[in-house]
Amino acid sequence: MKLVLYGHTHTPALQKRRGVLWLNPGHLKDRNDRGNPPTFALLNLSGPKVTAEIRRLEDGAVVMRK
């Protein structure tokens, strides 16, 4: 699978379009930025399948982004 990793907007995004996984991990600032909480991405690049998750930081703890 192909992967496009981008940023600068500070807005987390994860979507698959036409066989390409598009990922913006967001930002890791210690406060909300443009209404977005601090987030980061976990990538699994092992094997032929690429998977990703966006996780959120909330009061210093990691939580799954819904």
PDB file of N, CA and C in Angstrom:
ATOM      1  N   MET A   1       0.840  -1.181   0.000  1.00  0.00           N
ATOM      2  CA  MET A   1       0.000   0.000   0.000  1.00  0.00           C
ATOM      3  C   MET A   1       0.883   1.242   0.000  1.00  0.00           C
ATOM      4  N   LYS A   2       0.421   2.276  -0.646  1.00  0.00           N
ATOM      5  CA  LYS A   2       1.136   3.545  -0.668  1.00  0.00           C
ATOM      6  C   LYS A   2       0.681   4.400   0.505  1.00  0.00           C
ATOM      7  N   LEU A   3       1.600   5.244   0.988  1.00  0.00           N
ATOM      8  CA  LEU A   3       1.335   6.085   2.148  1.00  0.00           C
ATOM      9  C   LEU A   3       1.769   7.509   1.849  1.00  0.00           C
ATOM     10  N   VAL A   4       0.901   8.472   2.155  1.00  0.00           N
ATOM     11  CA  VAL A   4       1.255   9.887   2.088  1.00  0.00           C
ATOM     12  C   VAL A   4       1.178  10.421   3.508  1.00  0.00           C
ATOM     13  N   LEU A   5       2.294  10.929   4.006  1.00  0.00           N
ATOM     14  CA  LEU A   5       2.377  11.499   5.346  1.00  0.00           C
ATOM     15  C   LEU A   5       2.549  13.001   5.180  1.00  0.00           C
ATOM     16  N   TYR A   6       1.623  13.760   5.760  1.00  0.00           N
ATOM     17  CA  TYR A   6       1.682  15.213   5.609  1.00  0.00           C
ATOM     18  C   TYR A   6       1.361  15.877   6.936  1.00  0.00           C
ATOM     19  N   GLY A   7       1.532  17.166   7.002  1.00  0.00           N
ATOM     20  CA  GLY A   7       1.281  17.887   8.243  1.00  0.00           C
ATOM     21  C   GLY A   7       1.047  19.351   7.984  1.00  0.00           C
ATOM     22  N   HIS A   8       1.513  20.168   8.887  1.00  0.00           N
ATOM     23  CA  HIS A   8       1.456  21.623   8.862  1.00  0.00           C
ATOM     24  C   HIS A   8       0.099  22.176   9.269  1.00  0.00           C
ATOM     25  N   THR A   9      -0.992  21.453   9.044  1.00  0.00           N
ATOM     26  CA  THR A   9      -2.318  21.966   9.387  1.00  0.00           C
ATOM     27  C   THR A   9      -2.646  21.779  10.863  1.00  0.00           C
ATOM     28  N   HIS A  10      -1.928  20.897  11.543  1.00  0.00           N
ATOM     29  CA  HIS A  10      -2.159  20.549  12.952  1.00  0.00           C
ATOM     30  C   HIS A  10      -3.495  19.843  13.150  1.00  0.00           C
ATOM     31  N   THR A  11      -4.140  19.438  12.084  1.00  0.00           N
ATOM     32  CA  THR A  11      -5.421  18.744  12.154  1.00  0.00           C
ATOM     33  C   THR A  11      -5.204  17.265  11.842  1.00  0.00           C
ATOM     34  N   PRO A  12      -5.431  16.379  12.816  1.00  0.00           N
ATOM     35  CA  PRO A  12      -5.213  14.954  12.554  1.00  0.00           C
ATOM     36  C   PRO A  12      -6.193  14.427  11.506  1.00  0.00           C
ATOM     37  N   ALA A  13      -5.673  13.571  10.636  1.00  0.00           N
ATOM     38  CA  ALA A  13      -6.510  12.976   9.599  1.00  0.00           C
ATOM     39  C   ALA A  13      -5.937  11.616   9.217  1.00  0.00           C
ATOM     40  N   LEU A  14      -6.829  10.677   8.959  1.00  0.00           N
ATOM     41  CA  LEU A  14      -6.433   9.340   8.526  1.00  0.00           C
ATOM     42  C   LEU A  14      -7.540   8.831   7.613  1.00  0.00           C
ATOM     43  N   GLN A  15      -7.197   8.676   6.338  1.00  0.00           N
ATOM     44  CA  GLN A  15      -8.193   8.185   5.396  1.00  0.00           C
ATOM     45  C   GLN A  15      -7.533   7.453   4.246  1.00  0.00           C
ATOM     46  N   LYS A  16      -8.273   6.549   3.653  1.00  0.00           N
ATOM     47  CA  LYS A  16      -7.788   5.786   2.508  1.00  0.00           C
ATOM     48  C   LYS A  16      -8.553   6.266   1.285  1.00  0.00           C
ATOM     49  N   ARG A  17      -7.807   6.674   0.263  1.00  0.00           N
ATOM     50  CA  ARG A  17      -8.409   7.135  -0.984  1.00  0.00           C
ATOM     51  C   ARG A  17      -7.692   6.479  -2.151  1.00  0.00           C
ATOM     52  N   ARG A  18      -8.460   5.759  -2.956  1.00  0.00           N
ATOM     53  CA  ARG A  18      -7.921   5.110  -4.161  1.00  0.00           C
ATOM     54  C   ARG A  18      -6.684   4.271  -3.868  1.00  0.00           C
ATOM     55  N   GLY A  19      -6.733   3.515  -2.778  1.00  0.00           N
ATOM     56  CA  GLY A  19      -5.637   2.617  -2.433  1.00  0.00           C
ATOM     57  C   GLY A  19      -4.439   3.276  -1.784  1.00  0.00           C
ATOM     58  N   VAL A  20      -4.556   4.554  -1.454  1.00  0.00           N
ATOM     59  CA  VAL A  20      -3.466   5.302  -0.809  1.00  0.00           C
ATOM     60  C   VAL A  20      -3.923   5.716   0.580  1.00  0.00           C
ATOM     61  N   LEU A  21      -3.090   5.474   1.597  1.00  0.00           N
ATOM     62  CA  LEU A  21      -3.371   5.879   2.966  1.00  0.00           C
ATOM     63  C   LEU A  21      -2.802   7.274   3.186  1.00  0.00           C
ATOM     64  N   TRP A  22      -3.657   8.227   3.502  1.00  0.00           N
ATOM     65  CA  TRP A  22      -3.264   9.616   3.767  1.00  0.00           C
ATOM     66  C   TRP A  22      -3.283   9.838   5.273  1.00  0.00           C
ATOM     67  N   LEU A  23      -2.166  10.338   5.827  1.00  0.00           N
ATOM     68  CA  LEU A  23      -2.028  10.471   7.272  1.00  0.00           C
ATOM     69  C   LEU A  23      -1.432  11.821   7.655  1.00  0.00           C
ATOM     70  N   ASN A  24      -2.146  12.539   8.510  1.00  0.00           N
ATOM     71  CA  ASN A  24      -1.638  13.741   9.146  1.00  0.00           C
ATOM     72  C   ASN A  24      -1.678  13.463  10.647  1.00  0.00           C
ATOM     73  N   PRO A  25      -0.535  13.376  11.319  1.00  0.00           N
ATOM     74  CA  PRO A  25      -0.524  13.009  12.736  1.00  0.00           C
ATOM     75  C   PRO A  25      -1.027  14.107  13.677  1.00  0.00           C
ATOM     76  N   GLY A  26      -1.243  15.308  13.186  1.00  0.00           N
ATOM     77  CA  GLY A  26      -1.705  16.396  14.049  1.00  0.00           C
ATOM     78  C   GLY A  26      -0.542  17.163  14.640  1.00  0.00           C
ATOM     79  N   HIS A  27      -0.578  17.392  15.955  1.00  0.00           N
ATOM     80  CA  HIS A  27       0.478  18.157  16.628  1.00  0.00           C
ATOM     81  C   HIS A  27       0.652  17.655  18.057  1.00  0.00           C
ATOM     82  N   LEU A  28       1.788  17.976  18.643  1.00  0.00           N
ATOM     83  CA  LEU A  28       2.063  17.564  20.031  1.00  0.00           C
ATOM     84  C   LEU A  28       2.217  18.747  20.978  1.00  0.00           C
ATOM     85  N   LYS A  29       1.586  19.862  20.662  1.00  0.00           N
ATOM     86  CA  LYS A  29       1.634  20.997  21.586  1.00  0.00           C
ATOM     87  C   LYS A  29       0.935  20.623  22.874  1.00  0.00           C
ATOM     88  N   ASP A  30       1.249  21.329  23.940  1.00  0.00           N
ATOM     89  CA  ASP A  30       0.677  20.996  25.241  1.00  0.00           C
ATOM     90  C   ASP A  30      -0.715  21.584  25.454  1.00  0.00           C
ATOM     91  N   ARG A  31      -1.303  22.143  24.403  1.00  0.00           N
ATOM     92  CA  ARG A  31      -2.650  22.704  24.510  1.00  0.00           C
ATOM     93  C   ARG A  31      -3.376  22.521  23.177  1.00  0.00           C
ATOM     94  N   ASN A  32      -4.666  22.793  23.163  1.00  0.00           N
ATOM     95  CA  ASN A  32      -5.427  22.734  21.918  1.00  0.00           C
ATOM     96  C   ASN A  32      -4.882  23.748  20.929  1.00  0.00           C
ATOM     97  N   ASP A  33      -4.838  23.369  19.675  1.00  0.00           N
ATOM     98  CA  ASP A  33      -4.379  24.238  18.608  1.00  0.00           C
ATOM     99  C   ASP A  33      -5.444  24.205  17.527  1.00  0.00           C
ATOM    100  N   ARG A  34      -6.047  25.340  17.257  1.00  0.00           N
ATOM    101  CA  ARG A  34      -7.125  25.418  16.264  1.00  0.00           C
ATOM    102  C   ARG A  34      -8.275  24.475  16.624  1.00  0.00           C
ATOM    103  N   GLY A  35      -8.469  24.263  17.927  1.00  0.00           N
ATOM    104  CA  GLY A  35      -9.539  23.391  18.381  1.00  0.00           C
ATOM    105  C   GLY A  35      -9.180  21.918  18.416  1.00  0.00           C
ATOM    106  N   ASN A  36      -7.947  21.583  18.068  1.00  0.00           N
ATOM    107  CA  ASN A  36      -7.507  20.183  18.040  1.00  0.00           C
ATOM    108  C   ASN A  36      -6.639  19.860  19.246  1.00  0.00           C
ATOM    109  N   PRO A  37      -6.920  18.760  19.944  1.00  0.00           N
ATOM    110  CA  PRO A  37      -6.064  18.354  21.061  1.00  0.00           C
ATOM    111  C   PRO A  37      -4.737  17.805  20.527  1.00  0.00           C
ATOM    112  N   PRO A  38      -3.715  17.689  21.382  1.00  0.00           N
ATOM    113  CA  PRO A  38      -2.443  17.105  20.954  1.00  0.00           C
ATOM    114  C   PRO A  38      -2.629  15.656  20.493  1.00  0.00           C
ATOM    115  N   THR A  39      -2.079  15.323  19.332  1.00  0.00           N
ATOM    116  CA  THR A  39      -2.189  13.976  18.771  1.00  0.00           C
ATOM    117  C   THR A  39      -0.875  13.551  18.125  1.00  0.00           C
ATOM    118  N   PHE A  40      -0.758  12.238  17.909  1.00  0.00           N
ATOM    119  CA  PHE A  40       0.376  11.669  17.181  1.00  0.00           C
ATOM    120  C   PHE A  40      -0.109  10.406  16.489  1.00  0.00           C
ATOM    121  N   ALA A  41       0.707   9.853  15.614  1.00  0.00           N
ATOM    122  CA  ALA A  41       0.308   8.661  14.868  1.00  0.00           C
ATOM    123  C   ALA A  41       1.248   7.505  15.149  1.00  0.00           C
ATOM    124  N   LEU A  42       0.692   6.302  15.140  1.00  0.00           N
ATOM    125  CA  LEU A  42       1.466   5.069  15.210  1.00  0.00           C
ATOM    126  C   LEU A  42       1.318   4.357  13.870  1.00  0.00           C
ATOM    127  N   LEU A  43       2.441   4.050  13.251  1.00  0.00           N
ATOM    128  CA  LEU A  43       2.444   3.340  11.975  1.00  0.00           C
ATOM    129  C   LEU A  43       2.971   1.933  12.160  1.00  0.00           C
ATOM    130  N   ASN A  44       2.342   0.970  11.508  1.00  0.00           N
ATOM    131  CA  ASN A  44       2.854  -0.400  11.457  1.00  0.00           C
ATOM    132  C   ASN A  44       3.222  -0.656  10.006  1.00  0.00           C
ATOM    133  N   LEU A  45       4.517  -0.749   9.758  1.00  0.00           N
ATOM    134  CA  LEU A  45       5.024  -0.917   8.396  1.00  0.00           C
ATOM    135  C   LEU A  45       5.549  -2.323   8.140  1.00  0.00           C
ATOM    136  N   SER A  46       5.247  -3.269   9.028  1.00  0.00           N
ATOM    137  CA  SER A  46       5.753  -4.627   8.853  1.00  0.00           C
ATOM    138  C   SER A  46       4.861  -5.397   7.879  1.00  0.00           C
ATOM    139  N   GLY A  47       5.488  -6.147   7.018  1.00  0.00           N
ATOM    140  CA  GLY A  47       4.736  -6.935   6.049  1.00  0.00           C
ATOM    141  C   GLY A  47       4.188  -6.068   4.930  1.00  0.00           C
ATOM    142  N   PRO A  48       3.359  -6.653   4.090  1.00  0.00           N
ATOM    143  CA  PRO A  48       2.852  -5.911   2.931  1.00  0.00           C
ATOM    144  C   PRO A  48       1.745  -4.915   3.276  1.00  0.00           C
ATOM    145  N   LYS A  49       1.151  -5.039   4.462  1.00  0.00           N
ATOM    146  CA  LYS A  49       0.040  -4.174   4.836  1.00  0.00           C
ATOM    147  C   LYS A  49       0.517  -3.036   5.731  1.00  0.00           C
ATOM    148  N   VAL A  50       0.141  -1.816   5.386  1.00  0.00           N
ATOM    149  CA  VAL A  50       0.464  -0.638   6.189  1.00  0.00           C
ATOM    150  C   VAL A  50      -0.778  -0.266   6.980  1.00  0.00           C
ATOM    151  N   THR A  51      -0.635  -0.123   8.297  1.00  0.00           N
ATOM    152  CA  THR A  51      -1.751   0.323   9.131  1.00  0.00           C
ATOM    153  C   THR A  51      -1.306   1.516   9.960  1.00  0.00           C
ATOM    154  N   ALA A  52      -2.268   2.321  10.374  1.00  0.00           N
ATOM    155  CA  ALA A  52      -1.963   3.508  11.173  1.00  0.00           C
ATOM    156  C   ALA A  52      -3.090   3.763  12.159  1.00  0.00           C
ATOM    157  N   GLU A  53      -2.727   4.391  13.259  1.00  0.00           N
ATOM    158  CA  GLU A  53      -3.686   4.819  14.282  1.00  0.00           C
ATOM    159  C   GLU A  53      -3.314   6.226  14.701  1.00  0.00           C
ATOM    160  N   ILE A  54      -4.309   7.046  14.972  1.00  0.00           N
ATOM    161  CA  ILE A  54      -4.068   8.358  15.559  1.00  0.00           C
ATOM    162  C   ILE A  54      -4.439   8.264  17.031  1.00  0.00           C
ATOM    163  N   ARG A  55      -3.538   8.718  17.878  1.00  0.00           N
ATOM    164  CA  ARG A  55      -3.786   8.706  19.322  1.00  0.00           C
ATOM    165  C   ARG A  55      -3.748  10.133  19.839  1.00  0.00           C
ATOM    166  N   ARG A  56      -4.448  10.361  20.935  1.00  0.00           N
ATOM    167  CA  ARG A  56      -4.591  11.688  21.514  1.00  0.00           C
ATOM    168  C   ARG A  56      -3.923  11.731  22.880  1.00  0.00           C
ATOM    169  N   LEU A  57      -3.343  12.864  23.214  1.00  0.00           N
ATOM    170  CA  LEU A  57      -2.840  13.108  24.557  1.00  0.00           C
ATOM    171  C   LEU A  57      -3.883  13.920  25.313  1.00  0.00           C
ATOM    172  N   GLU A  58      -4.206  13.461  26.526  1.00  0.00           N
ATOM    173  CA  GLU A  58      -5.201  14.144  27.335  1.00  0.00           C
ATOM    174  C   GLU A  58      -4.687  14.177  28.769  1.00  0.00           C
ATOM    175  N   ASP A  59      -4.359  15.348  29.256  1.00  0.00           N
ATOM    176  CA  ASP A  59      -3.790  15.518  30.595  1.00  0.00           C
ATOM    177  C   ASP A  59      -2.567  14.616  30.799  1.00  0.00           C
ATOM    178  N   GLY A  60      -1.723  14.537  29.773  1.00  0.00           N
ATOM    179  CA  GLY A  60      -0.493  13.771  29.857  1.00  0.00           C
ATOM    180  C   GLY A  60      -0.649  12.275  29.618  1.00  0.00           C
ATOM    181  N   ALA A  61      -1.877  11.801  29.403  1.00  0.00           N
ATOM    182  CA  ALA A  61      -2.117  10.377  29.162  1.00  0.00           C
ATOM    183  C   ALA A  61      -2.476  10.162  27.694  1.00  0.00           C
ATOM    184  N   VAL A  62      -2.137   8.998  27.176  1.00  0.00           N
ATOM    185  CA  VAL A  62      -2.465   8.639  25.805  1.00  0.00           C
ATOM    186  C   VAL A  62      -3.829   7.986  25.774  1.00  0.00           C
ATOM    187  N   VAL A  63      -4.718   8.479  24.906  1.00  0.00           N
ATOM    188  CA  VAL A  63      -6.040   7.888  24.726  1.00  0.00           C
ATOM    189  C   VAL A  63      -6.288   7.674  23.238  1.00  0.00           C
ATOM    190  N   MET A  64      -7.137   6.721  22.908  1.00  0.00           N
ATOM    191  CA  MET A  64      -7.482   6.477  21.511  1.00  0.00           C
ATOM    192  C   MET A  64      -8.360   7.615  21.001  1.00  0.00           C
ATOM    193  N   ARG A  65      -8.103   8.060  19.795  1.00  0.00           N
ATOM    194  CA  ARG A  65      -8.924   9.096  19.174  1.00  0.00           C
ATOM    195  C   ARG A  65     -10.166   8.455  18.586  1.00  0.00           C
ATOM    196  N   LYS A  66     -11.314   8.991  18.866  1.00  0.00           N
ATOM    197  CA  LYS A  66     -12.576   8.476  18.338  1.00  0.00           C
ATOM    198  C   LYS A  66     -13.022   9.309  17.178  1.00  0.00           C
TER     199      LYS A  66
END
